[in-house]
PDB file of N, CA and C in Angstrom:
ATOM      1  N   UNK A   1     237.483 -77.277 116.543  1.00  0.00           N
ATOM      2  CA  UNK A   1     237.028 -78.401 117.324  1.00  0.00           C
ATOM      3  C   UNK A   1     236.690 -77.990 118.741  1.00  0.00           C
ATOM      4  N   UNK A   2     237.540 -77.147 119.361  1.00  0.00           N
ATOM      5  CA  UNK A   2     237.217 -76.709 120.706  1.00  0.00           C
ATOM      6  C   UNK A   2     238.419 -76.229 121.483  1.00  0.00           C
ATOM      7  N   UNK A   3     238.118 -75.749 122.681  1.00  0.00           N
ATOM      8  CA  UNK A   3     239.144 -75.252 123.592  1.00  0.00           C
ATOM      9  C   UNK A   3     239.611 -76.417 124.464  1.00  0.00           C
ATOM     10  N   UNK A   4     240.927 -76.583 124.546  1.00  0.00           N
ATOM     11  CA  UNK A   4     241.500 -77.687 125.312  1.00  0.00           C
ATOM     12  C   UNK A   4     242.452 -77.174 126.374  1.00  0.00           C
ATOM     13  N   UNK A   5     242.532 -77.928 127.464  1.00  0.00           N
ATOM     14  CA  UNK A   5     243.497 -77.706 128.529  1.00  0.00           C
ATOM     15  C   UNK A   5     244.312 -78.988 128.644  1.00  0.00           C
ATOM     16  N   UNK A   6     245.634 -78.842 128.540  1.00  0.00           N
ATOM     17  CA  UNK A   6     246.543 -79.985 128.650  1.00  0.00           C
ATOM     18  C   UNK A   6     247.494 -79.688 129.802  1.00  0.00           C
ATOM     19  N   UNK A   7     247.410 -80.485 130.842  1.00  0.00           N
ATOM     20  CA  UNK A   7     248.256 -80.303 132.026  1.00  0.00           C
ATOM     21  C   UNK A   7     249.396 -81.313 131.939  1.00  0.00           C
ATOM     22  N   UNK A   8     250.637 -80.824 132.058  1.00  0.00           N
ATOM     23  CA  UNK A   8     251.806 -81.697 131.964  1.00  0.00           C
ATOM     24  C   UNK A   8     252.643 -81.577 133.227  1.00  0.00           C
ATOM     25  N   UNK A   9     253.424 -82.612 133.475  1.00  0.00           N
ATOM     26  CA  UNK A   9     254.285 -82.655 134.648  1.00  0.00           C
ATOM     27  C   UNK A   9     255.519 -81.796 134.412  1.00  0.00           C
ATOM     28  N   UNK A  10     255.872 -80.996 135.393  1.00  0.00           N
ATOM     29  CA  UNK A  10     257.079 -80.190 135.324  1.00  0.00           C
ATOM     30  C   UNK A  10     256.837 -78.809 134.744  1.00  0.00           C
ATOM     31  N   UNK A  11     257.814 -77.957 134.936  1.00  0.00           N
ATOM     32  CA  UNK A  11     257.769 -76.605 134.392  1.00  0.00           C
ATOM     33  C   UNK A  11     258.505 -76.609 133.060  1.00  0.00           C
ATOM     34  N   UNK A  12     257.782 -76.316 131.989  1.00  0.00           N
ATOM     35  CA  UNK A  12     258.379 -76.328 130.655  1.00  0.00           C
ATOM     36  C   UNK A  12     259.136 -75.030 130.402  1.00  0.00           C
ATOM     37  N   UNK A  13     260.277 -75.148 129.749  1.00  0.00           N
ATOM     38  CA  UNK A  13     261.067 -73.972 129.388  1.00  0.00           C
ATOM     39  C   UNK A  13     260.361 -73.177 128.295  1.00  0.00           C
ATOM     40  N   UNK A  14     260.813 -71.963 128.109  1.00  0.00           N
ATOM     41  CA  UNK A  14     260.261 -71.109 127.050  1.00  0.00           C
ATOM     42  C   UNK A  14     260.452 -71.769 125.680  1.00  0.00           C
ATOM     43  N   UNK A  15     261.615 -72.386 125.463  1.00  0.00           N
ATOM     44  CA  UNK A  15     261.870 -73.070 124.186  1.00  0.00           C
ATOM     45  C   UNK A  15     260.853 -74.180 123.937  1.00  0.00           C
ATOM     46  N   UNK A  16     260.515 -74.925 124.982  1.00  0.00           N
ATOM     47  CA  UNK A  16     259.529 -75.996 124.816  1.00  0.00           C
ATOM     48  C   UNK A  16     258.132 -75.442 124.559  1.00  0.00           C
ATOM     49  N   UNK A  17     257.732 -74.425 125.307  1.00  0.00           N
ATOM     50  CA  UNK A  17     256.388 -73.880 125.097  1.00  0.00           C
ATOM     51  C   UNK A  17     256.279 -73.195 123.742  1.00  0.00           C
ATOM     52  N   UNK A  18     257.386 -72.657 123.235  1.00  0.00           N
ATOM     53  CA  UNK A  18     257.376 -72.044 121.903  1.00  0.00           C
ATOM     54  C   UNK A  18     257.136 -73.081 120.800  1.00  0.00           C
ATOM     55  N   UNK A  19     257.351 -74.355 121.113  1.00  0.00           N
ATOM     56  CA  UNK A  19     257.109 -75.426 120.139  1.00  0.00           C
ATOM     57  C   UNK A  19     255.618 -75.657 119.905  1.00  0.00           C
ATOM     58  N   UNK A  20     254.789 -75.009 120.721  1.00  0.00           N
ATOM     59  CA  UNK A  20     253.332 -75.161 120.619  1.00  0.00           C
ATOM     60  C   UNK A  20     252.692 -73.780 120.460  1.00  0.00           C
ATOM     61  N   UNK A  21     252.868 -73.151 119.293  1.00  0.00           N
ATOM     62  CA  UNK A  21     252.416 -71.762 119.115  1.00  0.00           C
ATOM     63  C   UNK A  21     250.904 -71.574 119.217  1.00  0.00           C
ATOM     64  N   UNK A  22     250.132 -72.626 119.038  1.00  0.00           N
ATOM     65  CA  UNK A  22     248.675 -72.489 119.123  1.00  0.00           C
ATOM     66  C   UNK A  22     248.172 -72.524 120.563  1.00  0.00           C
ATOM     67  N   UNK A  23     249.081 -72.767 121.517  1.00  0.00           N
ATOM     68  CA  UNK A  23     248.683 -72.887 122.917  1.00  0.00           C
ATOM     69  C   UNK A  23     249.363 -71.835 123.781  1.00  0.00           C
ATOM     70  N   UNK A  24     248.673 -71.434 124.830  1.00  0.00           N
ATOM     71  CA  UNK A  24     249.235 -70.559 125.851  1.00  0.00           C
ATOM     72  C   UNK A  24     249.722 -71.442 126.988  1.00  0.00           C
ATOM     73  N   UNK A  25     250.870 -71.109 127.564  1.00  0.00           N
ATOM     74  CA  UNK A  25     251.431 -71.901 128.661  1.00  0.00           C
ATOM     75  C   UNK A  25     251.384 -71.102 129.954  1.00  0.00           C
ATOM     76  N   UNK A  26     250.833 -71.722 130.989  1.00  0.00           N
ATOM     77  CA  UNK A  26     250.790 -71.121 132.320  1.00  0.00           C
ATOM     78  C   UNK A  26     251.504 -72.050 133.290  1.00  0.00           C
ATOM     79  N   UNK A  27     252.638 -71.596 133.856  1.00  0.00           N
ATOM     80  CA  UNK A  27     253.340 -72.442 134.823  1.00  0.00           C
ATOM     81  C   UNK A  27     252.585 -72.485 136.151  1.00  0.00           C
ATOM     82  N   UNK A  28     252.573 -73.657 136.755  1.00  0.00           N
ATOM     83  CA  UNK A  28     252.018 -73.863 138.086  1.00  0.00           C
ATOM     84  C   UNK A  28     253.062 -74.655 138.860  1.00  0.00           C
ATOM     85  N   UNK A  29     252.934 -74.735 140.173  1.00  0.00           N
ATOM     86  CA  UNK A  29     253.918 -75.518 140.927  1.00  0.00           C
ATOM     87  C   UNK A  29     253.997 -76.962 140.417  1.00  0.00           C
ATOM     88  N   UNK A  30     255.169 -77.339 139.952  1.00  0.00           N
ATOM     89  CA  UNK A  30     255.481 -78.693 139.476  1.00  0.00           C
ATOM     90  C   UNK A  30     254.714 -79.111 138.226  1.00  0.00           C
ATOM     91  N   UNK A  31     254.003 -78.182 137.591  1.00  0.00           N
ATOM     92  CA  UNK A  31     253.241 -78.501 136.384  1.00  0.00           C
ATOM     93  C   UNK A  31     253.218 -77.291 135.460  1.00  0.00           C
ATOM     94  N   UNK A  32     252.841 -77.554 134.209  1.00  0.00           N
ATOM     95  CA  UNK A  32     252.565 -76.492 133.247  1.00  0.00           C
ATOM     96  C   UNK A  32     251.214 -76.793 132.627  1.00  0.00           C
ATOM     97  N   UNK A  33     250.399 -75.755 132.489  1.00  0.00           N
ATOM     98  CA  UNK A  33     249.091 -75.901 131.864  1.00  0.00           C
ATOM     99  C   UNK A  33     249.153 -75.244 130.490  1.00  0.00           C
ATOM    100  N   UNK A  34     248.911 -76.038 129.456  1.00  0.00           N
ATOM    101  CA  UNK A  34     248.837 -75.545 128.084  1.00  0.00           C
ATOM    102  C   UNK A  34     247.366 -75.466 127.723  1.00  0.00           C
ATOM    103  N   UNK A  35     246.956 -74.359 127.120  1.00  0.00           N
ATOM    104  CA  UNK A  35     245.544 -74.256 126.753  1.00  0.00           C
ATOM    105  C   UNK A  35     245.377 -73.403 125.510  1.00  0.00           C
ATOM    106  N   UNK A  36     244.311 -73.714 124.771  1.00  0.00           N
ATOM    107  CA  UNK A  36     244.004 -72.954 123.571  1.00  0.00           C
ATOM    108  C   UNK A  36     243.002 -73.685 122.701  1.00  0.00           C
ATOM    109  N   UNK A  37     242.600 -73.015 121.630  1.00  0.00           N
ATOM    110  CA  UNK A  37     241.629 -73.579 120.691  1.00  0.00           C
ATOM    111  C   UNK A  37     242.366 -74.442 119.672  1.00  0.00           C
ATOM    112  N   UNK A  38     241.855 -75.641 119.440  1.00  0.00           N
ATOM    113  CA  UNK A  38     242.421 -76.540 118.438  1.00  0.00           C
ATOM    114  C   UNK A  38     241.373 -76.800 117.372  1.00  0.00           C
ATOM    115  N   UNK A  39     241.800 -76.749 116.115  1.00  0.00           N
ATOM    116  CA  UNK A  39     240.877 -76.846 114.985  1.00  0.00           C
ATOM    117  C   UNK A  39     240.256 -78.223 114.793  1.00  0.00           C
ATOM    118  N   UNK A  40     241.021 -79.280 115.095  1.00  0.00           N
ATOM    119  CA  UNK A  40     240.494 -80.614 114.811  1.00  0.00           C
ATOM    120  C   UNK A  40     241.221 -81.666 115.637  1.00  0.00           C
ATOM    121  N   UNK A  41     240.758 -82.900 115.511  1.00  0.00           N
ATOM    122  CA  UNK A  41     241.331 -84.024 116.253  1.00  0.00           C
ATOM    123  C   UNK A  41     242.795 -84.241 115.887  1.00  0.00           C
ATOM    124  N   UNK A  42     243.144 -83.992 114.637  1.00  0.00           N
ATOM    125  CA  UNK A  42     244.531 -84.157 114.197  1.00  0.00           C
ATOM    126  C   UNK A  42     245.454 -83.179 114.922  1.00  0.00           C
ATOM    127  N   UNK A  43     244.986 -81.959 115.163  1.00  0.00           N
ATOM    128  CA  UNK A  43     245.796 -80.970 115.882  1.00  0.00           C
ATOM    129  C   UNK A  43     246.052 -81.433 117.312  1.00  0.00           C
ATOM    130  N   UNK A  44     245.020 -81.933 117.974  1.00  0.00           N
ATOM    131  CA  UNK A  44     245.180 -82.444 119.338  1.00  0.00           C
ATOM    132  C   UNK A  44     246.134 -83.637 119.348  1.00  0.00           C
ATOM    133  N   UNK A  45     245.939 -84.578 118.447  1.00  0.00           N
ATOM    134  CA  UNK A  45     246.807 -85.755 118.378  1.00  0.00           C
ATOM    135  C   UNK A  45     248.254 -85.352 118.115  1.00  0.00           C
ATOM    136  N   UNK A  46     248.461 -84.371 117.245  1.00  0.00           N
ATOM    137  CA  UNK A  46     249.810 -83.912 116.949  1.00  0.00           C
ATOM    138  C   UNK A  46     250.502 -83.332 118.168  1.00  0.00           C
ATOM    139  N   UNK A  47     249.779 -82.541 118.947  1.00  0.00           N
ATOM    140  CA  UNK A  47     250.355 -81.955 120.162  1.00  0.00           C
ATOM    141  C   UNK A  47     250.663 -83.046 121.184  1.00  0.00           C
ATOM    142  N   UNK A  48     249.727 -83.962 121.394  1.00  0.00           N
ATOM    143  CA  UNK A  48     249.956 -85.044 122.356  1.00  0.00           C
ATOM    144  C   UNK A  48     251.127 -85.924 121.931  1.00  0.00           C
ATOM    145  N   UNK A  49     251.237 -86.221 120.649  1.00  0.00           N
ATOM    146  CA  UNK A  49     252.371 -87.009 120.145  1.00  0.00           C
ATOM    147  C   UNK A  49     253.685 -86.265 120.315  1.00  0.00           C
ATOM    148  N   UNK A  50     253.678 -84.955 120.052  1.00  0.00           N
ATOM    149  CA  UNK A  50     254.886 -84.141 120.201  1.00  0.00           C
ATOM    150  C   UNK A  50     255.338 -84.137 121.664  1.00  0.00           C
ATOM    151  N   UNK A  51     254.393 -83.950 122.584  1.00  0.00           N
ATOM    152  CA  UNK A  51     254.734 -83.987 124.008  1.00  0.00           C
ATOM    153  C   UNK A  51     255.337 -85.342 124.378  1.00  0.00           C
ATOM    154  N   UNK A  52     254.747 -86.417 123.890  1.00  0.00           N
ATOM    155  CA  UNK A  52     255.241 -87.762 124.173  1.00  0.00           C
ATOM    156  C   UNK A  52     256.652 -87.955 123.620  1.00  0.00           C
ATOM    157  N   UNK A  53     256.887 -87.499 122.407  1.00  0.00           N
ATOM    158  CA  UNK A  53     258.217 -87.622 121.791  1.00  0.00           C
ATOM    159  C   UNK A  53     259.269 -86.849 122.578  1.00  0.00           C
ATOM    160  N   UNK A  54     258.860 -85.750 123.216  1.00  0.00           N
ATOM    161  CA  UNK A  54     259.781 -84.952 124.023  1.00  0.00           C
ATOM    162  C   UNK A  54     259.969 -85.527 125.427  1.00  0.00           C
ATOM    163  N   UNK A  55     259.243 -86.598 125.738  1.00  0.00           N
ATOM    164  CA  UNK A  55     259.362 -87.217 127.056  1.00  0.00           C
ATOM    165  C   UNK A  55     258.634 -86.464 128.150  1.00  0.00           C
ATOM    166  N   UNK A  56     257.659 -85.653 127.769  1.00  0.00           N
ATOM    167  CA  UNK A  56     256.905 -84.858 128.736  1.00  0.00           C
ATOM    168  C   UNK A  56     255.679 -85.657 129.170  1.00  0.00           C
ATOM    169  N   UNK A  57     255.528 -85.836 130.473  1.00  0.00           N
ATOM    170  CA  UNK A  57     254.414 -86.614 131.014  1.00  0.00           C
ATOM    171  C   UNK A  57     253.132 -85.792 131.016  1.00  0.00           C
ATOM    172  N   UNK A  58     252.107 -86.329 130.383  1.00  0.00           N
ATOM    173  CA  UNK A  58     250.805 -85.673 130.338  1.00  0.00           C
ATOM    174  C   UNK A  58     250.012 -86.119 131.558  1.00  0.00           C
ATOM    175  N   UNK A  59     249.531 -85.149 132.329  1.00  0.00           N
ATOM    176  CA  UNK A  59     248.773 -85.424 133.543  1.00  0.00           C
ATOM    177  C   UNK A  59     247.280 -85.477 133.245  1.00  0.00           C
ATOM    178  N   UNK A  60     246.820 -84.555 132.377  1.00  0.00           N
ATOM    179  CA  UNK A  60     245.379 -84.430 132.144  1.00  0.00           C
ATOM    180  C   UNK A  60     245.129 -83.719 130.826  1.00  0.00           C
ATOM    181  N   UNK A  61     244.085 -84.136 130.132  1.00  0.00           N
ATOM    182  CA  UNK A  61     243.622 -83.456 128.921  1.00  0.00           C
ATOM    183  C   UNK A  61     242.125 -83.237 129.088  1.00  0.00           C
ATOM    184  N   UNK A  62     241.705 -81.986 128.979  1.00  0.00           N
ATOM    185  CA  UNK A  62     240.290 -81.644 129.124  1.00  0.00           C
ATOM    186  C   UNK A  62     239.820 -80.844 127.925  1.00  0.00           C
ATOM    187  N   UNK A  63     238.626 -81.139 127.456  1.00  0.00           N
ATOM    188  CA  UNK A  63     237.975 -80.276 126.475  1.00  0.00           C
ATOM    189  C   UNK A  63     236.996 -79.412 127.251  1.00  0.00           C
ATOM    190  N   UNK A  64     237.104 -78.108 127.068  1.00  0.00           N
ATOM    191  CA  UNK A  64     236.228 -77.171 127.758  1.00  0.00           C
ATOM    192  C   UNK A  64     234.973 -76.997 126.920  1.00  0.00           C
ATOM    193  N   UNK A  65     233.808 -77.321 127.478  1.00  0.00           N
ATOM    194  CA  UNK A  65     232.574 -77.190 126.692  1.00  0.00           C
ATOM    195  C   UNK A  65     232.266 -75.727 126.398  1.00  0.00           C
ATOM    196  N   UNK A  66     231.675 -75.456 125.237  1.00  0.00           N
ATOM    197  CA  UNK A  66     231.297 -74.074 124.917  1.00  0.00           C
ATOM    198  C   UNK A  66     230.201 -73.599 125.863  1.00  0.00           C
ATOM    199  N   UNK A  67     230.145 -72.294 126.045  1.00  0.00           N
ATOM    200  CA  UNK A  67     229.081 -71.709 126.856  1.00  0.00           C
ATOM    201  C   UNK A  67     227.745 -71.906 126.157  1.00  0.00           C
ATOM    202  N   UNK A  68     226.679 -71.755 126.883  1.00  0.00           N
ATOM    203  CA  UNK A  68     225.335 -71.977 126.341  1.00  0.00           C
ATOM    204  C   UNK A  68     225.040 -71.111 125.126  1.00  0.00           C
ATOM    205  N   UNK A  69     225.626 -69.905 125.072  1.00  0.00           N
ATOM    206  CA  UNK A  69     225.381 -69.021 123.930  1.00  0.00           C
ATOM    207  C   UNK A  69     226.338 -69.280 122.772  1.00  0.00           C
ATOM    208  N   UNK A  70     227.141 -70.353 122.884  1.00  0.00           N
ATOM    209  CA  UNK A  70     228.032 -70.738 121.794  1.00  0.00           C
ATOM    210  C   UNK A  70     229.386 -70.077 121.819  1.00  0.00           C
ATOM    211  N   UNK A  71     229.707 -69.326 122.851  1.00  0.00           N
ATOM    212  CA  UNK A  71     231.008 -68.653 122.950  1.00  0.00           C
ATOM    213  C   UNK A  71     231.845 -69.251 124.044  1.00  0.00           C
TER     214      UNK A  71
END
């Protein structure tokens, strides 16, 4: 489906980021940025629901458009 960036409030522990093996986690001041390729809408919905169930506040969700050459 595409490359997504999900910005959440707070610094997530290693145990929490390990719960999302399809995403890379980059800590930033007071936030964590999760990013990676997701196969379909169900994968995105599953991650967003999982974050919500864990009580993690989602700040932003972005889909990164593909480059002009398709990469």
